[in-house]
Amino acid sequence: MEDLVYYNDLYDIYSLLLTDKQREYFEEYYFNNLSFSEMAENYNVSRNAIFKQIKITKEKLDEFEEALGLYKKREKLLNIIENVDDKRIKKELEDLL
């Protein structure tokens, strides 16, 4: 479950850096809960091709995070927001997200 949330968060941040096919497969698998077999049938490719493409996409998301660190920065910012008492500052920080 934690893996699912993590990759969905990374996808929200970095999806525009992926190819159309990577986005399509990722969304079918993670958002529409299709199995590899269902996707293989829908796209007329092998189950292994789907599995491999999902794996490559996850690796790409990890690479983007490693290089840019936007997920980690967002998590730190959320943590700061939780601990801020000043409502104006809190609002401004939330607007950054």
PDB file of N, CA and C in Angstrom:
ATOM      1  N   MET A   1       0.822  -1.196   0.000  1.00  0.00           N
ATOM      2  CA  MET A   1       0.000   0.000   0.000  1.00  0.00           C
ATOM      3  C   MET A   1       0.865   1.258   0.000  1.00  0.00           C
ATOM      4  N   GLU A   2       1.900   1.247   0.824  1.00  0.00           N
ATOM      5  CA  GLU A   2       2.799   2.390   0.897  1.00  0.00           C
ATOM      6  C   GLU A   2       3.467   2.642  -0.454  1.00  0.00           C
ATOM      7  N   ASP A   3       3.831   1.558  -1.138  1.00  0.00           N
ATOM      8  CA  ASP A   3       4.430   1.628  -2.468  1.00  0.00           C
ATOM      9  C   ASP A   3       3.464   2.297  -3.447  1.00  0.00           C
ATOM     10  N   LEU A   4       2.213   1.935  -3.364  1.00  0.00           N
ATOM     11  CA  LEU A   4       1.174   2.488  -4.232  1.00  0.00           C
ATOM     12  C   LEU A   4       1.056   4.002  -4.042  1.00  0.00           C
ATOM     13  N   VAL A   5       0.988   4.436  -2.819  1.00  0.00           N
ATOM     14  CA  VAL A   5       0.864   5.862  -2.508  1.00  0.00           C
ATOM     15  C   VAL A   5       2.117   6.609  -2.968  1.00  0.00           C
ATOM     16  N   TYR A   6       3.276   6.044  -2.707  1.00  0.00           N
ATOM     17  CA  TYR A   6       4.540   6.680  -3.081  1.00  0.00           C
ATOM     18  C   TYR A   6       4.622   6.900  -4.594  1.00  0.00           C
ATOM     19  N   TYR A   7       4.338   5.863  -5.367  1.00  0.00           N
ATOM     20  CA  TYR A   7       4.440   6.001  -6.820  1.00  0.00           C
ATOM     21  C   TYR A   7       3.330   6.876  -7.397  1.00  0.00           C
ATOM     22  N   ASN A   8       2.174   6.893  -6.773  1.00  0.00           N
ATOM     23  CA  ASN A   8       1.131   7.825  -7.202  1.00  0.00           C
ATOM     24  C   ASN A   8       1.578   9.266  -6.963  1.00  0.00           C
ATOM     25  N   ASP A   9       2.231   9.514  -5.830  1.00  0.00           N
ATOM     26  CA  ASP A   9       2.745  10.856  -5.539  1.00  0.00           C
ATOM     27  C   ASP A   9       3.840  11.253  -6.537  1.00  0.00           C
ATOM     28  N   LEU A  10       4.755  10.320  -6.803  1.00  0.00           N
ATOM     29  CA  LEU A  10       5.803  10.606  -7.782  1.00  0.00           C
ATOM     30  C   LEU A  10       5.198  10.873  -9.158  1.00  0.00           C
ATOM     31  N   TYR A  11       4.183  10.100  -9.507  1.00  0.00           N
ATOM     32  CA  TYR A  11       3.511  10.281 -10.791  1.00  0.00           C
ATOM     33  C   TYR A  11       2.874  11.675 -10.870  1.00  0.00           C
ATOM     34  N   ASP A  12       2.249  12.110  -9.801  1.00  0.00           N
ATOM     35  CA  ASP A  12       1.645  13.447  -9.781  1.00  0.00           C
ATOM     36  C   ASP A  12       2.686  14.526 -10.065  1.00  0.00           C
ATOM     37  N   ILE A  13       3.877  14.321  -9.578  1.00  0.00           N
ATOM     38  CA  ILE A  13       4.936  15.316  -9.729  1.00  0.00           C
ATOM     39  C   ILE A  13       5.610  15.226 -11.108  1.00  0.00           C
ATOM     40  N   TYR A  14       5.922  14.011 -11.543  1.00  0.00           N
ATOM     41  CA  TYR A  14       6.797  13.828 -12.706  1.00  0.00           C
ATOM     42  C   TYR A  14       6.114  13.264 -13.962  1.00  0.00           C
ATOM     43  N   SER A  15       4.816  13.113 -13.965  1.00  0.00           N
ATOM     44  CA  SER A  15       4.152  12.432 -15.080  1.00  0.00           C
ATOM     45  C   SER A  15       4.438  13.060 -16.442  1.00  0.00           C
ATOM     46  N   LEU A  16       4.585  14.365 -16.489  1.00  0.00           N
ATOM     47  CA  LEU A  16       4.827  15.019 -17.776  1.00  0.00           C
ATOM     48  C   LEU A  16       6.201  14.696 -18.362  1.00  0.00           C
ATOM     49  N   LEU A  17       7.067  14.104 -17.564  1.00  0.00           N
ATOM     50  CA  LEU A  17       8.390  13.710 -18.049  1.00  0.00           C
ATOM     51  C   LEU A  17       8.384  12.299 -18.640  1.00  0.00           C
ATOM     52  N   LEU A  18       7.270  11.604 -18.527  1.00  0.00           N
ATOM     53  CA  LEU A  18       7.129  10.250 -19.059  1.00  0.00           C
ATOM     54  C   LEU A  18       6.576  10.291 -20.478  1.00  0.00           C
ATOM     55  N   THR A  19       6.752   9.176 -21.192  1.00  0.00           N
ATOM     56  CA  THR A  19       6.170   9.074 -22.527  1.00  0.00           C
ATOM     57  C   THR A  19       4.663   8.853 -22.401  1.00  0.00           C
ATOM     58  N   ASP A  20       3.952   9.073 -23.486  1.00  0.00           N
ATOM     59  CA  ASP A  20       2.502   8.846 -23.494  1.00  0.00           C
ATOM     60  C   ASP A  20       2.181   7.399 -23.115  1.00  0.00           C
ATOM     61  N   LYS A  21       2.918   6.457 -23.653  1.00  0.00           N
ATOM     62  CA  LYS A  21       2.680   5.038 -23.385  1.00  0.00           C
ATOM     63  C   LYS A  21       2.931   4.730 -21.909  1.00  0.00           C
ATOM     64  N   GLN A  22       3.993   5.278 -21.353  1.00  0.00           N
ATOM     65  CA  GLN A  22       4.286   5.056 -19.935  1.00  0.00           C
ATOM     66  C   GLN A  22       3.168   5.608 -19.063  1.00  0.00           C
ATOM     67  N   ARG A  23       2.689   6.794 -19.386  1.00  0.00           N
ATOM     68  CA  ARG A  23       1.584   7.382 -18.619  1.00  0.00           C
ATOM     69  C   ARG A  23       0.324   6.527 -18.749  1.00  0.00           C
ATOM     70  N   GLU A  24       0.044   6.098 -19.946  1.00  0.00           N
ATOM     71  CA  GLU A  24      -1.159   5.304 -20.196  1.00  0.00           C
ATOM     72  C   GLU A  24      -1.127   3.989 -19.410  1.00  0.00           C
ATOM     73  N   TYR A  25      -0.038   3.265 -19.481  1.00  0.00           N
ATOM     74  CA  TYR A  25       0.083   1.996 -18.760  1.00  0.00           C
ATOM     75  C   TYR A  25       0.044   2.213 -17.252  1.00  0.00           C
ATOM     76  N   PHE A  26       0.758   3.237 -16.792  1.00  0.00           N
ATOM     77  CA  PHE A  26       0.785   3.528 -15.359  1.00  0.00           C
ATOM     78  C   PHE A  26      -0.619   3.817 -14.844  1.00  0.00           C
ATOM     79  N   GLU A  27      -1.341   4.646 -15.551  1.00  0.00           N
ATOM     80  CA  GLU A  27      -2.693   5.012 -15.126  1.00  0.00           C
ATOM     81  C   GLU A  27      -3.632   3.814 -15.153  1.00  0.00           C
ATOM     82  N   GLU A  28      -3.506   2.976 -16.154  1.00  0.00           N
ATOM     83  CA  GLU A  28      -4.351   1.780 -16.222  1.00  0.00           C
ATOM     84  C   GLU A  28      -4.076   0.864 -15.032  1.00  0.00           C
ATOM     85  N   TYR A  29      -2.805   0.707 -14.706  1.00  0.00           N
ATOM     86  CA  TYR A  29      -2.426  -0.212 -13.630  1.00  0.00           C
ATOM     87  C   TYR A  29      -2.717   0.383 -12.248  1.00  0.00           C
ATOM     88  N   TYR A  30      -2.267   1.610 -12.003  1.00  0.00           N
ATOM     89  CA  TYR A  30      -2.380   2.186 -10.668  1.00  0.00           C
ATOM     90  C   TYR A  30      -3.708   2.882 -10.399  1.00  0.00           C
ATOM     91  N   PHE A  31      -4.294   3.524 -11.393  1.00  0.00           N
ATOM     92  CA  PHE A  31      -5.530   4.270 -11.162  1.00  0.00           C
ATOM     93  C   PHE A  31      -6.777   3.455 -11.475  1.00  0.00           C
ATOM     94  N   ASN A  32      -6.707   2.650 -12.536  1.00  0.00           N
ATOM     95  CA  ASN A  32      -7.877   1.861 -12.949  1.00  0.00           C
ATOM     96  C   ASN A  32      -7.835   0.425 -12.442  1.00  0.00           C
ATOM     97  N   ASN A  33      -6.755   0.074 -11.735  1.00  0.00           N
ATOM     98  CA  ASN A  33      -6.599  -1.244 -11.111  1.00  0.00           C
ATOM     99  C   ASN A  33      -6.728  -2.407 -12.082  1.00  0.00           C
ATOM    100  N   LEU A  34      -6.264  -2.218 -13.305  1.00  0.00           N
ATOM    101  CA  LEU A  34      -6.267  -3.330 -14.254  1.00  0.00           C
ATOM    102  C   LEU A  34      -5.070  -4.229 -13.988  1.00  0.00           C
ATOM    103  N   SER A  35      -5.239  -5.499 -14.196  1.00  0.00           N
ATOM    104  CA  SER A  35      -4.133  -6.443 -14.046  1.00  0.00           C
ATOM    105  C   SER A  35      -3.261  -6.392 -15.298  1.00  0.00           C
ATOM    106  N   PHE A  36      -2.069  -6.976 -15.203  1.00  0.00           N
ATOM    107  CA  PHE A  36      -1.197  -7.051 -16.371  1.00  0.00           C
ATOM    108  C   PHE A  36      -1.881  -7.822 -17.493  1.00  0.00           C
ATOM    109  N   SER A  37      -2.586  -8.866 -17.135  1.00  0.00           N
ATOM    110  CA  SER A  37      -3.282  -9.674 -18.144  1.00  0.00           C
ATOM    111  C   SER A  37      -4.374  -8.872 -18.839  1.00  0.00           C
ATOM    112  N   GLU A  38      -5.150  -8.128 -18.071  1.00  0.00           N
ATOM    113  CA  GLU A  38      -6.203  -7.299 -18.670  1.00  0.00           C
ATOM    114  C   GLU A  38      -5.611  -6.236 -19.590  1.00  0.00           C
ATOM    115  N   MET A  39      -4.537  -5.637 -19.142  1.00  0.00           N
ATOM    116  CA  MET A  39      -3.893  -4.614 -19.958  1.00  0.00           C
ATOM    117  C   MET A  39      -3.313  -5.223 -21.227  1.00  0.00           C
ATOM    118  N   ALA A  40      -2.690  -6.383 -21.099  1.00  0.00           N
ATOM    119  CA  ALA A  40      -2.108  -7.061 -22.257  1.00  0.00           C
ATOM    120  C   ALA A  40      -3.188  -7.348 -23.303  1.00  0.00           C
ATOM    121  N   GLU A  41      -4.322  -7.776 -22.839  1.00  0.00           N
ATOM    122  CA  GLU A  41      -5.433  -8.051 -23.748  1.00  0.00           C
ATOM    123  C   GLU A  41      -5.938  -6.759 -24.405  1.00  0.00           C
ATOM    124  N   ASN A  42      -6.085  -5.712 -23.621  1.00  0.00           N
ATOM    125  CA  ASN A  42      -6.574  -4.428 -24.142  1.00  0.00           C
ATOM    126  C   ASN A  42      -5.630  -3.803 -25.170  1.00  0.00           C
ATOM    127  N   TYR A  43      -4.324  -3.952 -24.941  1.00  0.00           N
ATOM    128  CA  TYR A  43      -3.335  -3.316 -25.811  1.00  0.00           C
ATOM    129  C   TYR A  43      -2.733  -4.281 -26.832  1.00  0.00           C
ATOM    130  N   ASN A  44      -3.190  -5.518 -26.797  1.00  0.00           N
ATOM    131  CA  ASN A  44      -2.728  -6.529 -27.748  1.00  0.00           C
ATOM    132  C   ASN A  44      -1.204  -6.701 -27.718  1.00  0.00           C
ATOM    133  N   VAL A  45      -0.687  -6.771 -26.488  1.00  0.00           N
ATOM    134  CA  VAL A  45       0.732  -7.037 -26.259  1.00  0.00           C
ATOM    135  C   VAL A  45       0.834  -8.139 -25.203  1.00  0.00           C
ATOM    136  N   SER A  46       2.037  -8.605 -24.965  1.00  0.00           N
ATOM    137  CA  SER A  46       2.202  -9.670 -23.972  1.00  0.00           C
ATOM    138  C   SER A  46       2.103  -9.101 -22.556  1.00  0.00           C
ATOM    139  N   ARG A  47       1.755  -9.989 -21.645  1.00  0.00           N
ATOM    140  CA  ARG A  47       1.696  -9.623 -20.228  1.00  0.00           C
ATOM    141  C   ARG A  47       3.070  -9.163 -19.756  1.00  0.00           C
ATOM    142  N   ASN A  48       4.113  -9.839 -20.251  1.00  0.00           N
ATOM    143  CA  ASN A  48       5.479  -9.493 -19.885  1.00  0.00           C
ATOM    144  C   ASN A  48       5.855  -8.086 -20.370  1.00  0.00           C
ATOM    145  N   ALA A  49       5.360  -7.696 -21.534  1.00  0.00           N
ATOM    146  CA  ALA A  49       5.634  -6.348 -22.053  1.00  0.00           C
ATOM    147  C   ALA A  49       5.030  -5.290 -21.139  1.00  0.00           C
ATOM    148  N   ILE A  50       3.841  -5.554 -20.648  1.00  0.00           N
ATOM    149  CA  ILE A  50       3.186  -4.624 -19.716  1.00  0.00           C
ATOM    150  C   ILE A  50       3.981  -4.545 -18.421  1.00  0.00           C
ATOM    151  N   PHE A  51       4.322  -5.710 -17.870  1.00  0.00           N
ATOM    152  CA  PHE A  51       5.097  -5.763 -16.632  1.00  0.00           C
ATOM    153  C   PHE A  51       6.394  -4.976 -16.772  1.00  0.00           C
ATOM    154  N   LYS A  52       7.085  -5.207 -17.878  1.00  0.00           N
ATOM    155  CA  LYS A  52       8.366  -4.550 -18.119  1.00  0.00           C
ATOM    156  C   LYS A  52       8.188  -3.030 -18.224  1.00  0.00           C
ATOM    157  N   GLN A  53       7.153  -2.590 -18.910  1.00  0.00           N
ATOM    158  CA  GLN A  53       6.913  -1.162 -19.076  1.00  0.00           C
ATOM    159  C   GLN A  53       6.568  -0.483 -17.739  1.00  0.00           C
ATOM    160  N   ILE A  54       5.781  -1.155 -16.906  1.00  0.00           N
ATOM    161  CA  ILE A  54       5.468  -0.617 -15.571  1.00  0.00           C
ATOM    162  C   ILE A  54       6.743  -0.525 -14.740  1.00  0.00           C
ATOM    163  N   LYS A  55       7.570  -1.549 -14.811  1.00  0.00           N
ATOM    164  CA  LYS A  55       8.832  -1.555 -14.067  1.00  0.00           C
ATOM    165  C   LYS A  55       9.740  -0.416 -14.533  1.00  0.00           C
ATOM    166  N   ILE A  56       9.854  -0.226 -15.828  1.00  0.00           N
ATOM    167  CA  ILE A  56      10.674   0.853 -16.384  1.00  0.00           C
ATOM    168  C   ILE A  56      10.133   2.213 -15.939  1.00  0.00           C
ATOM    169  N   THR A  57       8.823   2.354 -15.949  1.00  0.00           N
ATOM    170  CA  THR A  57       8.204   3.615 -15.542  1.00  0.00           C
ATOM    171  C   THR A  57       8.504   3.921 -14.081  1.00  0.00           C
ATOM    172  N   LYS A  58       8.400   2.923 -13.217  1.00  0.00           N
ATOM    173  CA  LYS A  58       8.721   3.127 -11.802  1.00  0.00           C
ATOM    174  C   LYS A  58      10.196   3.510 -11.632  1.00  0.00           C
ATOM    175  N   GLU A  59      11.063   2.876 -12.405  1.00  0.00           N
ATOM    176  CA  GLU A  59      12.481   3.198 -12.344  1.00  0.00           C
ATOM    177  C   GLU A  59      12.727   4.642 -12.789  1.00  0.00           C
ATOM    178  N   LYS A  60      12.028   5.065 -13.827  1.00  0.00           N
ATOM    179  CA  LYS A  60      12.138   6.449 -14.302  1.00  0.00           C
ATOM    180  C   LYS A  60      11.684   7.424 -13.217  1.00  0.00           C
ATOM    181  N   LEU A  61      10.556   7.132 -12.587  1.00  0.00           N
ATOM    182  CA  LEU A  61      10.063   7.999 -11.512  1.00  0.00           C
ATOM    183  C   LEU A  61      11.087   8.085 -10.386  1.00  0.00           C
ATOM    184  N   ASP A  62      11.702   6.952 -10.047  1.00  0.00           N
ATOM    185  CA  ASP A  62      12.747   6.949  -9.019  1.00  0.00           C
ATOM    186  C   ASP A  62      13.947   7.799  -9.449  1.00  0.00           C
ATOM    187  N   GLU A  63      14.321   7.690 -10.729  1.00  0.00           N
ATOM    188  CA  GLU A  63      15.441   8.482 -11.245  1.00  0.00           C
ATOM    189  C   GLU A  63      15.138   9.974 -11.191  1.00  0.00           C
ATOM    190  N   PHE A  64      13.931  10.355 -11.574  1.00  0.00           N
ATOM    191  CA  PHE A  64      13.547  11.763 -11.529  1.00  0.00           C
ATOM    192  C   PHE A  64      13.613  12.287 -10.093  1.00  0.00           C
ATOM    193  N   GLU A  65      13.114  11.483  -9.157  1.00  0.00           N
ATOM    194  CA  GLU A  65      13.141  11.905  -7.757  1.00  0.00           C
ATOM    195  C   GLU A  65      14.574  11.995  -7.248  1.00  0.00           C
ATOM    196  N   GLU A  66      15.394  11.052  -7.643  1.00  0.00           N
ATOM    197  CA  GLU A  66      16.804  11.064  -7.230  1.00  0.00           C
ATOM    198  C   GLU A  66      17.496  12.326  -7.740  1.00  0.00           C
ATOM    199  N   ALA A  67      17.204  12.716  -8.969  1.00  0.00           N
ATOM    200  CA  ALA A  67      17.859  13.874  -9.572  1.00  0.00           C
ATOM    201  C   ALA A  67      17.279  15.201  -9.079  1.00  0.00           C
ATOM    202  N   LEU A  68      15.957  15.266  -8.907  1.00  0.00           N
ATOM    203  CA  LEU A  68      15.307  16.540  -8.611  1.00  0.00           C
ATOM    204  C   LEU A  68      14.850  16.700  -7.168  1.00  0.00           C
ATOM    205  N   GLY A  69      14.495  15.604  -6.524  1.00  0.00           N
ATOM    206  CA  GLY A  69      14.120  15.627  -5.114  1.00  0.00           C
ATOM    207  C   GLY A  69      12.860  16.407  -4.780  1.00  0.00           C
ATOM    208  N   LEU A  70      11.949  16.553  -5.734  1.00  0.00           N
ATOM    209  CA  LEU A  70      10.747  17.351  -5.493  1.00  0.00           C
ATOM    210  C   LEU A  70       9.796  16.709  -4.485  1.00  0.00           C
ATOM    211  N   TYR A  71       9.729  15.394  -4.468  1.00  0.00           N
ATOM    212  CA  TYR A  71       8.880  14.692  -3.500  1.00  0.00           C
ATOM    213  C   TYR A  71       9.380  14.934  -2.086  1.00  0.00           C
ATOM    214  N   LYS A  72      10.688  14.790  -1.886  1.00  0.00           N
ATOM    215  CA  LYS A  72      11.273  15.014  -0.560  1.00  0.00           C
ATOM    216  C   LYS A  72      11.071  16.449  -0.100  1.00  0.00           C
ATOM    217  N   LYS A  73      11.233  17.379  -1.019  1.00  0.00           N
ATOM    218  CA  LYS A  73      11.034  18.789  -0.672  1.00  0.00           C
ATOM    219  C   LYS A  73       9.579  19.053  -0.304  1.00  0.00           C
ATOM    220  N   ARG A  74       8.663  18.434  -1.040  1.00  0.00           N
ATOM    221  CA  ARG A  74       7.243  18.607  -0.721  1.00  0.00           C
ATOM    222  C   ARG A  74       6.914  18.041   0.650  1.00  0.00           C
ATOM    223  N   GLU A  75       7.469  16.879   0.969  1.00  0.00           N
ATOM    224  CA  GLU A  75       7.241  16.269   2.276  1.00  0.00           C
ATOM    225  C   GLU A  75       7.781  17.152   3.398  1.00  0.00           C
ATOM    226  N   LYS A  76       8.955  17.733   3.195  1.00  0.00           N
ATOM    227  CA  LYS A  76       9.524  18.639   4.197  1.00  0.00           C
ATOM    228  C   LYS A  76       8.644  19.872   4.369  1.00  0.00           C
ATOM    229  N   LEU A  77       8.158  20.398   3.264  1.00  0.00           N
ATOM    230  CA  LEU A  77       7.290  21.574   3.322  1.00  0.00           C
ATOM    231  C   LEU A  77       5.989  21.253   4.051  1.00  0.00           C
ATOM    232  N   LEU A  78       5.412  20.091   3.788  1.00  0.00           N
ATOM    233  CA  LEU A  78       4.194  19.678   4.498  1.00  0.00           C
ATOM    234  C   LEU A  78       4.443  19.569   5.998  1.00  0.00           C
ATOM    235  N   ASN A  79       5.598  19.061   6.370  1.00  0.00           N
ATOM    236  CA  ASN A  79       5.967  18.939   7.776  1.00  0.00           C
ATOM    237  C   ASN A  79       6.100  20.318   8.422  1.00  0.00           C
ATOM    238  N   ILE A  80       6.703  21.247   7.715  1.00  0.00           N
ATOM    239  CA  ILE A  80       6.838  22.617   8.226  1.00  0.00           C
ATOM    240  C   ILE A  80       5.464  23.243   8.402  1.00  0.00           C
ATOM    241  N   ILE A  81       4.592  23.062   7.419  1.00  0.00           N
ATOM    242  CA  ILE A  81       3.243  23.624   7.475  1.00  0.00           C
ATOM    243  C   ILE A  81       2.490  23.122   8.705  1.00  0.00           C
ATOM    244  N   GLU A  82       2.643  21.854   9.014  1.00  0.00           N
ATOM    245  CA  GLU A  82       1.967  21.281  10.183  1.00  0.00           C
ATOM    246  C   GLU A  82       2.382  21.964  11.474  1.00  0.00           C
ATOM    247  N   ASN A  83       3.614  22.444  11.514  1.00  0.00           N
ATOM    248  CA  ASN A  83       4.150  23.008  12.749  1.00  0.00           C
ATOM    249  C   ASN A  83       4.117  24.525  12.812  1.00  0.00           C
ATOM    250  N   VAL A  84       3.565  25.189  11.812  1.00  0.00           N
ATOM    251  CA  VAL A  84       3.487  26.648  11.792  1.00  0.00           C
ATOM    252  C   VAL A  84       2.203  27.094  12.478  1.00  0.00           C
ATOM    253  N   ASP A  85       2.334  28.051  13.377  1.00  0.00           N
ATOM    254  CA  ASP A  85       1.173  28.572  14.102  1.00  0.00           C
ATOM    255  C   ASP A  85       0.548  29.781  13.405  1.00  0.00           C
ATOM    256  N   ASP A  86       1.363  30.570  12.725  1.00  0.00           N
ATOM    257  CA  ASP A  86       0.881  31.781  12.063  1.00  0.00           C
ATOM    258  C   ASP A  86       0.025  31.392  10.850  1.00  0.00           C
ATOM    259  N   LYS A  87      -1.257  31.770  10.876  1.00  0.00           N
ATOM    260  CA  LYS A  87      -2.200  31.372   9.825  1.00  0.00           C
ATOM    261  C   LYS A  87      -1.844  31.964   8.466  1.00  0.00           C
ATOM    262  N   ARG A  88      -1.348  33.188   8.444  1.00  0.00           N
ATOM    263  CA  ARG A  88      -0.975  33.823   7.171  1.00  0.00           C
ATOM    264  C   ARG A  88       0.194  33.093   6.525  1.00  0.00           C
ATOM    265  N   ILE A  89       1.205  32.795   7.317  1.00  0.00           N
ATOM    266  CA  ILE A  89       2.372  32.076   6.810  1.00  0.00           C
ATOM    267  C   ILE A  89       1.969  30.671   6.377  1.00  0.00           C
ATOM    268  N   LYS A  90       1.140  30.038   7.182  1.00  0.00           N
ATOM    269  CA  LYS A  90       0.651  28.693   6.855  1.00  0.00           C
ATOM    270  C   LYS A  90      -0.059  28.697   5.506  1.00  0.00           C
ATOM    271  N   LYS A  91      -0.913  29.674   5.278  1.00  0.00           N
ATOM    272  CA  LYS A  91      -1.655  29.791   4.020  1.00  0.00           C
ATOM    273  C   LYS A  91      -0.715  29.996   2.846  1.00  0.00           C
ATOM    274  N   GLU A  92       0.277  30.857   3.025  1.00  0.00           N
ATOM    275  CA  GLU A  92       1.247  31.119   1.950  1.00  0.00           C
ATOM    276  C   GLU A  92       2.045  29.868   1.613  1.00  0.00           C
ATOM    277  N   LEU A  93       2.427  29.119   2.618  1.00  0.00           N
ATOM    278  CA  LEU A  93       3.151  27.875   2.379  1.00  0.00           C
ATOM    279  C   LEU A  93       2.276  26.849   1.673  1.00  0.00           C
ATOM    280  N   GLU A  94       1.035  26.748   2.082  1.00  0.00           N
ATOM    281  CA  GLU A  94       0.094  25.805   1.432  1.00  0.00           C
ATOM    282  C   GLU A  94      -0.122  26.190  -0.027  1.00  0.00           C
ATOM    283  N   ASP A  95      -0.142  27.478  -0.312  1.00  0.00           N
ATOM    284  CA  ASP A  95      -0.307  27.937  -1.698  1.00  0.00           C
ATOM    285  C   ASP A  95       0.879  27.546  -2.592  1.00  0.00           C
ATOM    286  N   LEU A  96       2.038  27.350  -1.979  1.00  0.00           N
ATOM    287  CA  LEU A  96       3.197  26.913  -2.740  1.00  0.00           C
ATOM    288  C   LEU A  96       3.038  25.491  -3.278  1.00  0.00           C
ATOM    289  N   LEU A  97       2.248  24.723  -2.576  1.00  0.00           N
ATOM    290  CA  LEU A  97       2.035  23.337  -3.010  1.00  0.00           C
ATOM    291  C   LEU A  97       1.013  23.305  -4.116  1.00  0.00           C
TER     292      LEU A  97
END
